[in-house]
Amino acid sequence: MNTLIITEMTATRMEVITARTQNLLVAGAKAMMIESLKEKLRSGVAHFIFIKKDGTVREAFGTTNAAVARKYTNGNGCSRELYSTTAYFDIEKGAWRSLRWESIVKVF
């Protein structure tokens, strides 16, 4: 038997995604993908696909791992989570980016 544990943050993400997409089932799946993505971002370089605001599909390689992104982090600013997005350091572009929670398509 598999057990699914939904944290308070995952539930919050589900609420936001549901409000934006009007689909609770999609919201649950995307909230879990965001959890998976955040874990992969913390532990190294994550490979993922999302849909940009302009509707184009973006394949990205990013991280939040301090060892990789330390020189690009100044500690100023507020968390992107406050804006219902997830921030990541884009390895290819060499800059910080963020994606809206409902835009995630796939995490590899």
Protein backbone atom coordinates (compact mmCIF):
# COMPACT_ATOMS: atom_id res chain seq x y z
CA MET A 1 0.00 0.00 0.00
CA ASN A 2 1.32 3.46 -0.93
CA THR A 3 0.73 6.41 1.32
CA LEU A 4 0.38 9.95 0.06
CA ILE A 5 1.24 12.68 2.55
CA ILE A 6 0.01 16.15 1.71
CA THR A 7 1.77 18.92 3.61
CA GLU A 8 0.20 22.25 4.47
CA MET A 9 2.22 23.90 1.68
CA THR A 10 1.07 21.30 -0.85
CA ALA A 11 -2.54 21.95 0.19
CA THR A 12 -1.98 25.69 -0.25
CA ARG A 13 -0.54 25.10 -3.72
CA MET A 14 -3.55 22.94 -4.57
CA GLU A 15 -5.91 25.75 -3.52
CA VAL A 16 -4.08 28.32 -5.66
CA ILE A 17 -3.88 26.02 -8.69
CA THR A 18 -7.56 25.07 -8.32
CA ALA A 19 -8.53 28.76 -8.25
CA ARG A 20 -6.46 29.42 -11.38
CA THR A 21 -7.45 26.30 -13.37
CA GLN A 22 -10.90 25.48 -11.93
CA ASN A 23 -9.83 21.81 -11.81
CA LEU A 24 -9.15 20.11 -8.46
CA LEU A 25 -7.78 16.92 -10.03
CA VAL A 26 -5.25 18.83 -12.14
CA ALA A 27 -4.39 20.96 -9.10
CA GLY A 28 -3.53 17.90 -7.02
CA ALA A 29 -1.29 16.45 -9.70
CA LYS A 30 0.49 19.75 -10.34
CA ALA A 31 0.96 20.46 -6.63
CA MET A 32 2.66 17.09 -6.25
CA MET A 33 4.86 17.83 -9.29
CA ILE A 34 5.91 21.11 -7.67
CA GLU A 35 6.86 19.21 -4.49
CA SER A 36 8.95 16.82 -6.58
CA LEU A 37 10.52 19.71 -8.49
CA LYS A 38 11.43 21.62 -5.32
CA GLU A 39 13.14 18.53 -3.88
CA LYS A 40 15.14 18.03 -7.09
CA LEU A 41 16.05 21.73 -7.22
CA ARG A 42 17.39 21.56 -3.66
CA SER A 43 19.47 18.44 -4.25
CA GLY A 44 21.05 19.37 -7.58
CA VAL A 45 20.05 20.28 -11.12
CA ALA A 46 16.43 19.54 -12.04
CA HIS A 47 15.13 19.00 -15.57
CA PHE A 48 11.52 20.12 -16.09
CA ILE A 49 9.02 21.49 -18.59
CA PHE A 50 6.50 24.27 -18.03
CA ILE A 51 4.33 26.63 -20.04
CA LYS A 52 5.44 30.26 -20.01
CA LYS A 53 2.98 33.12 -19.52
CA ASP A 54 3.05 33.79 -23.27
CA GLY A 55 1.90 30.21 -23.92
CA THR A 56 5.20 28.82 -25.20
CA VAL A 57 6.57 25.58 -23.82
CA ARG A 58 9.87 25.90 -21.97
CA GLU A 59 12.25 23.08 -21.13
CA ALA A 60 14.51 24.16 -18.27
CA PHE A 61 17.44 22.97 -16.20
CA GLY A 62 17.60 24.69 -12.85
CA THR A 63 18.66 24.47 -9.24
CA THR A 64 18.31 26.13 -5.85
CA ASN A 65 21.27 24.20 -4.50
CA ALA A 66 23.43 26.69 -2.56
CA ALA A 67 26.69 25.17 -3.81
CA VAL A 68 25.72 25.96 -7.42
CA ALA A 69 23.76 29.21 -7.08
CA ARG A 70 25.58 30.81 -4.10
CA LYS A 71 27.42 33.49 -6.08
CA TYR A 72 24.12 34.58 -7.67
CA THR A 73 22.27 34.87 -4.36
CA ASN A 74 22.40 38.05 -2.30
CA GLY A 75 19.76 37.18 0.30
CA ASN A 76 17.70 40.27 -0.44
CA GLY A 77 14.14 40.14 -1.61
CA CYS A 78 11.12 38.08 -0.71
CA SER A 79 10.27 34.48 -1.40
CA ARG A 80 8.64 33.77 -4.77
CA GLU A 81 6.28 31.46 -2.87
CA LEU A 82 4.44 34.60 -1.74
CA TYR A 83 3.51 35.14 -5.39
CA SER A 84 2.41 31.52 -5.95
CA THR A 85 5.50 30.78 -8.01
CA THR A 86 8.64 28.71 -7.57
CA ALA A 87 12.03 30.33 -8.15
CA TYR A 88 15.01 28.50 -9.60
CA PHE A 89 18.45 29.39 -10.90
CA ASP A 90 18.40 28.70 -14.64
CA ILE A 91 21.64 26.87 -15.44
CA GLU A 92 21.46 27.68 -19.17
CA LYS A 93 20.63 31.39 -18.83
CA GLY A 94 22.75 32.00 -15.72
CA ALA A 95 19.98 33.92 -13.97
CA TRP A 96 17.12 33.47 -11.53
CA ARG A 97 13.73 32.63 -13.03
CA SER A 98 10.37 31.55 -11.69
CA LEU A 99 7.38 29.58 -12.87
CA ARG A 100 3.73 29.72 -11.91
CA TRP A 101 2.60 26.59 -10.09
CA GLU A 102 -0.17 25.75 -12.53
CA SER A 103 2.23 25.95 -15.49
CA ILE A 104 4.29 22.85 -14.63
CA VAL A 105 3.97 20.10 -17.24
CA LYS A 106 6.61 17.51 -16.39
CA VAL A 107 9.47 16.91 -13.96
CA PHE A 108 12.10 14.42 -15.09
